[in-house]
Protein backbone atom coordinates (compact mmCIF):
# COMPACT_ATOMS: atom_id res chain seq x y z
CA MET A 1 -251.25 97.71 -59.41
CA GLU A 2 -254.53 98.67 -60.07
CA GLU A 3 -256.82 96.33 -61.01
CA ILE A 4 -259.51 97.03 -64.09
CA GLY A 5 -261.63 95.10 -65.06
CA ALA A 6 -261.62 93.59 -69.24
CA PHE A 7 -264.61 95.54 -70.48
CA GLU A 8 -263.69 99.09 -68.86
CA ALA A 9 -259.74 98.55 -70.06
CA LYS A 10 -261.70 98.39 -73.97
CA THR A 11 -264.35 100.68 -72.69
CA HIS A 12 -261.23 103.31 -71.50
CA LEU A 13 -257.83 102.51 -73.20
CA SER A 14 -257.16 105.97 -74.55
CA GLN A 15 -257.12 106.80 -70.50
CA LEU A 16 -255.95 103.85 -69.36
CA LEU A 17 -252.80 104.74 -72.33
CA GLN A 18 -252.24 108.31 -70.55
CA ARG A 19 -251.55 106.49 -67.52
CA VAL A 20 -249.46 104.01 -67.93
CA ALA A 21 -246.97 106.40 -69.60
CA ALA A 22 -247.36 108.16 -67.13
CA GLY A 23 -245.35 105.33 -65.05
CA GLU A 24 -248.68 103.68 -63.77
CA ARG A 25 -249.47 99.91 -63.58
CA PHE A 26 -252.55 98.29 -64.59
CA VAL A 27 -253.82 94.48 -63.91
CA ILE A 28 -256.34 93.66 -66.08
CA THR A 29 -259.09 91.32 -65.10
CA ARG A 30 -261.61 88.59 -66.40
CA HIS A 31 -264.22 88.44 -64.13
CA GLY A 32 -262.46 88.95 -61.26
CA ARG A 33 -259.49 86.95 -62.28
CA PRO A 34 -256.32 88.13 -63.76
CA VAL A 35 -255.60 87.69 -67.49
CA ALA A 36 -253.06 90.68 -67.98
CA GLU A 37 -250.45 93.52 -67.12
CA LEU A 38 -250.82 96.92 -68.39
CA ILE A 39 -247.56 98.50 -67.92
CA PRO A 40 -245.01 101.36 -69.80
CA TYR A 41 -243.04 100.35 -72.61
CA GLY A 42 -238.86 99.66 -71.41
CA GLU A 43 -236.34 98.46 -72.87
CA ARG A 44 -234.27 95.69 -70.46
CA SER A 45 -230.74 96.47 -69.97
CA THR A 46 -228.38 94.02 -70.61
CA ALA A 47 -227.51 94.31 -67.13
CA GLU A 48 -230.89 93.44 -66.37
CA VAL A 49 -230.93 91.05 -68.95
CA GLU A 50 -227.16 89.41 -68.06
CA GLU A 51 -228.79 89.31 -63.40
CA ALA A 52 -231.16 87.45 -64.67
CA LEU A 53 -229.61 84.86 -66.16
CA ALA A 54 -226.92 84.76 -63.66
CA CYS A 55 -230.08 84.30 -60.71
CA LEU A 56 -231.57 81.52 -62.86
CA ARG A 57 -227.94 79.31 -62.95
CA ARG A 58 -227.42 79.30 -59.52
CA LEU A 59 -230.60 78.43 -59.28
CA ARG A 60 -230.00 75.50 -61.72
CA THR A 61 -226.86 74.83 -59.68
CA ARG A 62 -228.98 74.28 -56.53
CA LEU A 63 -230.63 72.04 -57.36
CA ALA A 64 -228.07 70.48 -59.23
CA LYS A 65 -226.76 70.26 -55.90
CA ALA A 66 -229.76 68.81 -54.08
CA GLY A 67 -230.29 66.40 -56.37
CA VAL A 68 -233.15 67.95 -58.33
CA ARG A 69 -233.44 66.62 -62.03
CA LEU A 70 -235.43 67.75 -64.05
CA ASP A 71 -236.90 64.34 -65.34
CA ASP A 72 -238.54 64.07 -61.45
CA LEU A 73 -240.30 66.87 -62.18
CA HIS A 74 -242.60 64.88 -64.82
CA ALA A 75 -244.31 62.30 -65.49
CA PRO A 76 -243.22 59.83 -68.43
CA GLY A 77 -244.80 60.91 -71.54
CA GLU A 78 -245.34 64.55 -70.06
CA THR A 79 -243.08 66.92 -72.26
CA LEU A 80 -241.74 70.63 -70.72
CA ARG A 81 -244.07 72.27 -72.96
CA ASP A 82 -247.35 70.65 -70.81
CA LEU A 83 -245.49 70.55 -67.47
CA ALA A 84 -244.52 74.50 -67.98
CA HIS A 85 -248.63 74.78 -68.32
CA ARG A 86 -249.53 72.21 -66.36
CA ASP A 87 -251.14 73.88 -64.11
CA HIS A 88 -252.64 76.63 -66.45
CA ARG A 89 -256.18 74.65 -67.74
């Protein structure tokens, strides 16, 4: 996937949209760090969504069998939202 800077993406948005409509994908960066993906719009099929959910259920079952609990993953007083965004800052 091609990387493109945010300024260049803003400057050439029309051309990028044409290329995306043709199937290309881009990672938009800010100061060299990825911040977004520009990909063709497409609805997900029901089968894809169901497979993703089944995969998550299998993972949850494996973790439970291994004794991993959600409460073990976050610090006292930390919310699940805090946990999800812990390393994002």
